[in-house]
Structures are given as C-alpha cells and as structure tokens.
Amino acid sequence: DIGDLMYIILKGSIGVRLRDTSYGAEPVFVSTKREGEHFGDLALLSKQANNKPIPGANRRRASCICMEESHLLGFPTSIVNEIVFELLDKKWKSNIEFFQNVSYFSVYSFF
C-alpha cells in the first residue's frame, strides 16, 4: 500500500507488524503504539526534496492493526509537509537571530 497519510492515535492502541523472511513466513509484531503516538510518517518522508517519489520508497514497510477500539486522526502528505516546513522555517529564523546577537558574527550579513 502506498503511504499518503500519517496518523495520530487519539484513543486506543495499534499493533505494528512486519513481514520479514528472516523471522519466517508469518508477520511479526514489533511494537505497540498508544494514545498520543503516531505512525505512517516514514512513508511520507521517503520522497525526494523536489516532492517526486522515489520509485517504491513511499510504500508502507509495516502493517498496523487496531488492538482495540481506536480513534485515529489522519494527515495527508500536503498537510504534514506544511507543518514540517513551517517548523523548519521557525527554527531557521531562530538560528539566524541567535547568530545576529553574537558579537563575533555582528559584522556578517544574514539575509
């Protein structure tokens, strides 16, 4: 399945399982995600910087199964990208401001 959503668990728990031939033919449970945690992000982050998919890279590597009644909030790639880029922009501006206030760097122009 192609990964185009990231999920946050609002209620319940999700079992994560992998199918890996080194463990035999049956899928193996590798972790449990609980309220407040997220999953599905790795498939979204495996695209090139120009947002062109790397062939096969955004395929989900694990299966996630509700372990009990669960409520999930899904975010499409576009929203996740907006959030990530906004956070990076804020961090970048904070770093520039820091260096502008260090006397050693005051002679340099930062954008």
C-alpha atoms as a PDB file:
ATOM      1  CA  ASP A   1       0.000   0.000   0.000  1.00  0.00           C
ATOM      2  CA  ILE A   2       1.262   3.478  -0.860  1.00  0.00           C
ATOM      3  CA  GLY A   3       1.798   5.731   2.150  1.00  0.00           C
ATOM      4  CA  ASP A   4      -0.032   9.023   1.727  1.00  0.00           C
ATOM      5  CA  LEU A   5      -1.298   9.596   5.290  1.00  0.00           C
ATOM      6  CA  MET A   6       0.270   9.917   8.711  1.00  0.00           C
ATOM      7  CA  TYR A   7      -1.907   9.023  11.699  1.00  0.00           C
ATOM      8  CA  ILE A   8      -2.080  10.202  15.304  1.00  0.00           C
ATOM      9  CA  ILE A   9      -3.755   7.866  17.782  1.00  0.00           C
ATOM     10  CA  LEU A  10      -6.447   9.756  19.680  1.00  0.00           C
ATOM     11  CA  LYS A  11      -7.768   6.693  21.505  1.00  0.00           C
ATOM     12  CA  GLY A  12      -6.797   3.034  21.667  1.00  0.00           C
ATOM     13  CA  SER A  13      -3.686   1.182  20.586  1.00  0.00           C
ATOM     14  CA  ILE A  14      -2.212  -0.008  17.309  1.00  0.00           C
ATOM     15  CA  GLY A  15      -0.047  -3.088  16.800  1.00  0.00           C
ATOM     16  CA  VAL A  16       2.785  -2.770  14.291  1.00  0.00           C
ATOM     17  CA  ARG A  17       3.854  -5.890  12.455  1.00  0.00           C
ATOM     18  CA  LEU A  18       6.470  -6.618   9.820  1.00  0.00           C
ATOM     19  CA  ARG A  19       6.704  -9.411   7.326  1.00  0.00           C
ATOM     20  CA  ASP A  20      10.370 -10.312   7.244  1.00  0.00           C
ATOM     21  CA  THR A  21      11.534 -13.620   5.804  1.00  0.00           C
ATOM     22  CA  SER A  22      14.345 -13.787   8.381  1.00  0.00           C
ATOM     23  CA  TYR A  23      11.609 -14.372  11.005  1.00  0.00           C
ATOM     24  CA  GLY A  24       9.747 -16.960   8.946  1.00  0.00           C
ATOM     25  CA  ALA A  25       6.665 -16.700   6.769  1.00  0.00           C
ATOM     26  CA  GLU A  26       4.342 -15.167   9.362  1.00  0.00           C
ATOM     27  CA  PRO A  27       4.275 -11.434  10.202  1.00  0.00           C
ATOM     28  CA  VAL A  28       5.968 -10.483  13.468  1.00  0.00           C
ATOM     29  CA  PHE A  29       4.626  -7.868  15.907  1.00  0.00           C
ATOM     30  CA  VAL A  30       7.416  -5.381  16.565  1.00  0.00           C
ATOM     31  CA  SER A  31       5.738  -2.674  18.657  1.00  0.00           C
ATOM     32  CA  THR A  32       2.543  -1.234  20.002  1.00  0.00           C
ATOM     33  CA  LYS A  33       1.619   2.403  19.501  1.00  0.00           C
ATOM     34  CA  ARG A  34      -0.611   4.063  22.080  1.00  0.00           C
ATOM     35  CA  GLU A  35      -2.652   7.249  22.525  1.00  0.00           C
ATOM     36  CA  GLY A  36      -0.702  10.354  21.507  1.00  0.00           C
ATOM     37  CA  GLU A  37       1.771   8.439  19.352  1.00  0.00           C
ATOM     38  CA  HIS A  38       1.878   8.465  15.570  1.00  0.00           C
ATOM     39  CA  PHE A  39       2.594   6.112  12.689  1.00  0.00           C
ATOM     40  CA  GLY A  40       2.772   6.269   8.906  1.00  0.00           C
ATOM     41  CA  ASP A  41       5.283   9.106   8.860  1.00  0.00           C
ATOM     42  CA  LEU A  42       8.181   7.153   7.358  1.00  0.00           C
ATOM     43  CA  ALA A  43       6.335   6.513   4.108  1.00  0.00           C
ATOM     44  CA  LEU A  44       5.643  10.256   3.794  1.00  0.00           C
ATOM     45  CA  LEU A  45       9.232  11.249   4.460  1.00  0.00           C
ATOM     46  CA  SER A  46      10.714   8.943   1.849  1.00  0.00           C
ATOM     47  CA  LYS A  47      10.287  11.315  -1.064  1.00  0.00           C
ATOM     48  CA  GLN A  48      12.926  13.417  -2.738  1.00  0.00           C
ATOM     49  CA  ALA A  49      13.247  17.097  -1.856  1.00  0.00           C
ATOM     50  CA  ASN A  50      11.503  18.055  -5.121  1.00  0.00           C
ATOM     51  CA  ASN A  51       8.486  16.007  -3.926  1.00  0.00           C
ATOM     52  CA  LYS A  52       8.922  13.451  -6.701  1.00  0.00           C
ATOM     53  CA  PRO A  53       8.546   9.975  -5.269  1.00  0.00           C
ATOM     54  CA  ILE A  54      11.497   7.641  -5.253  1.00  0.00           C
ATOM     55  CA  PRO A  55      10.192   4.501  -7.013  1.00  0.00           C
ATOM     56  CA  GLY A  56       8.884   2.137  -4.348  1.00  0.00           C
ATOM     57  CA  ALA A  57      10.152   4.310  -1.479  1.00  0.00           C
ATOM     58  CA  ASN A  58       6.790   5.512  -0.214  1.00  0.00           C
ATOM     59  CA  ARG A  59       5.382   2.022   0.170  1.00  0.00           C
ATOM     60  CA  ARG A  60       4.495   1.171   3.714  1.00  0.00           C
ATOM     61  CA  ARG A  61       7.005  -1.185   5.328  1.00  0.00           C
ATOM     62  CA  ALA A  62       4.752  -2.322   8.173  1.00  0.00           C
ATOM     63  CA  SER A  63       1.131  -3.233   8.746  1.00  0.00           C
ATOM     64  CA  CYS A  64      -0.709  -1.506  11.556  1.00  0.00           C
ATOM     65  CA  ILE A  65      -3.652  -3.207  13.218  1.00  0.00           C
ATOM     66  CA  CYS A  66      -6.077  -1.863  15.838  1.00  0.00           C
ATOM     67  CA  MET A  67      -5.566  -3.822  19.052  1.00  0.00           C
ATOM     68  CA  GLU A  68      -8.802  -2.413  20.491  1.00  0.00           C
ATOM     69  CA  GLU A  69     -11.397   0.163  19.541  1.00  0.00           C
ATOM     70  CA  SER A  70      -9.297   3.075  18.319  1.00  0.00           C
ATOM     71  CA  HIS A  71      -9.799   6.585  17.018  1.00  0.00           C
ATOM     72  CA  LEU A  72      -7.240   7.959  14.580  1.00  0.00           C
ATOM     73  CA  LEU A  73      -6.603  11.364  13.043  1.00  0.00           C
ATOM     74  CA  GLY A  74      -5.072  11.146   9.572  1.00  0.00           C
ATOM     75  CA  PHE A  75      -2.977  13.857   7.926  1.00  0.00           C
ATOM     76  CA  PRO A  76      -2.278  13.811   4.171  1.00  0.00           C
ATOM     77  CA  THR A  77       1.230  14.409   2.857  1.00  0.00           C
ATOM     78  CA  SER A  78       0.471  18.025   1.911  1.00  0.00           C
ATOM     79  CA  ILE A  79      -0.535  18.957   5.479  1.00  0.00           C
ATOM     80  CA  VAL A  80       2.430  17.127   7.012  1.00  0.00           C
ATOM     81  CA  ASN A  81       4.752  18.976   4.608  1.00  0.00           C
ATOM     82  CA  GLU A  82       3.236  22.340   5.577  1.00  0.00           C
ATOM     83  CA  ILE A  83       3.708  21.610   9.271  1.00  0.00           C
ATOM     84  CA  VAL A  84       7.285  20.370   8.836  1.00  0.00           C
ATOM     85  CA  PHE A  85       8.317  23.292   6.615  1.00  0.00           C
ATOM     86  CA  GLU A  86       6.732  25.814   8.998  1.00  0.00           C
ATOM     87  CA  LEU A  87       8.644  24.286  11.926  1.00  0.00           C
ATOM     88  CA  LEU A  88      11.890  24.300   9.931  1.00  0.00           C
ATOM     89  CA  ASP A  89      11.324  27.928   8.914  1.00  0.00           C
ATOM     90  CA  LYS A  90      10.805  28.948  12.549  1.00  0.00           C
ATOM     91  CA  LYS A  91      13.956  27.069  13.577  1.00  0.00           C
ATOM     92  CA  TRP A  92      15.950  28.695  10.754  1.00  0.00           C
ATOM     93  CA  LYS A  93      14.784  32.197  11.786  1.00  0.00           C
ATOM     94  CA  SER A  94      15.599  31.441  15.418  1.00  0.00           C
ATOM     95  CA  ASN A  95      19.125  30.332  14.478  1.00  0.00           C
ATOM     96  CA  ILE A  96      19.693  33.453  12.359  1.00  0.00           C
ATOM     97  CA  GLU A  97      18.503  35.661  15.222  1.00  0.00           C
ATOM     98  CA  PHE A  98      20.859  33.886  17.613  1.00  0.00           C
ATOM     99  CA  PHE A  99      23.896  34.453  15.394  1.00  0.00           C
ATOM    100  CA  GLN A 100      22.957  38.065  14.747  1.00  0.00           C
ATOM    101  CA  ASN A 101      23.082  38.677  18.501  1.00  0.00           C
ATOM    102  CA  VAL A 102      26.529  37.116  18.960  1.00  0.00           C
ATOM    103  CA  SER A 103      29.078  39.940  18.789  1.00  0.00           C
ATOM    104  CA  TYR A 104      31.612  37.865  16.835  1.00  0.00           C
ATOM    105  CA  PHE A 105      29.121  37.449  13.975  1.00  0.00           C
ATOM    106  CA  SER A 106      27.756  41.011  14.035  1.00  0.00           C
ATOM    107  CA  VAL A 107      29.953  42.002  11.074  1.00  0.00           C
ATOM    108  CA  TYR A 108      28.287  39.396   8.857  1.00  0.00           C
ATOM    109  CA  SER A 109      25.080  39.903   6.940  1.00  0.00           C
ATOM    110  CA  PHE A 110      22.432  37.221   7.372  1.00  0.00           C
ATOM    111  CA  PHE A 111      19.878  37.505   4.599  1.00  0.00           C
END
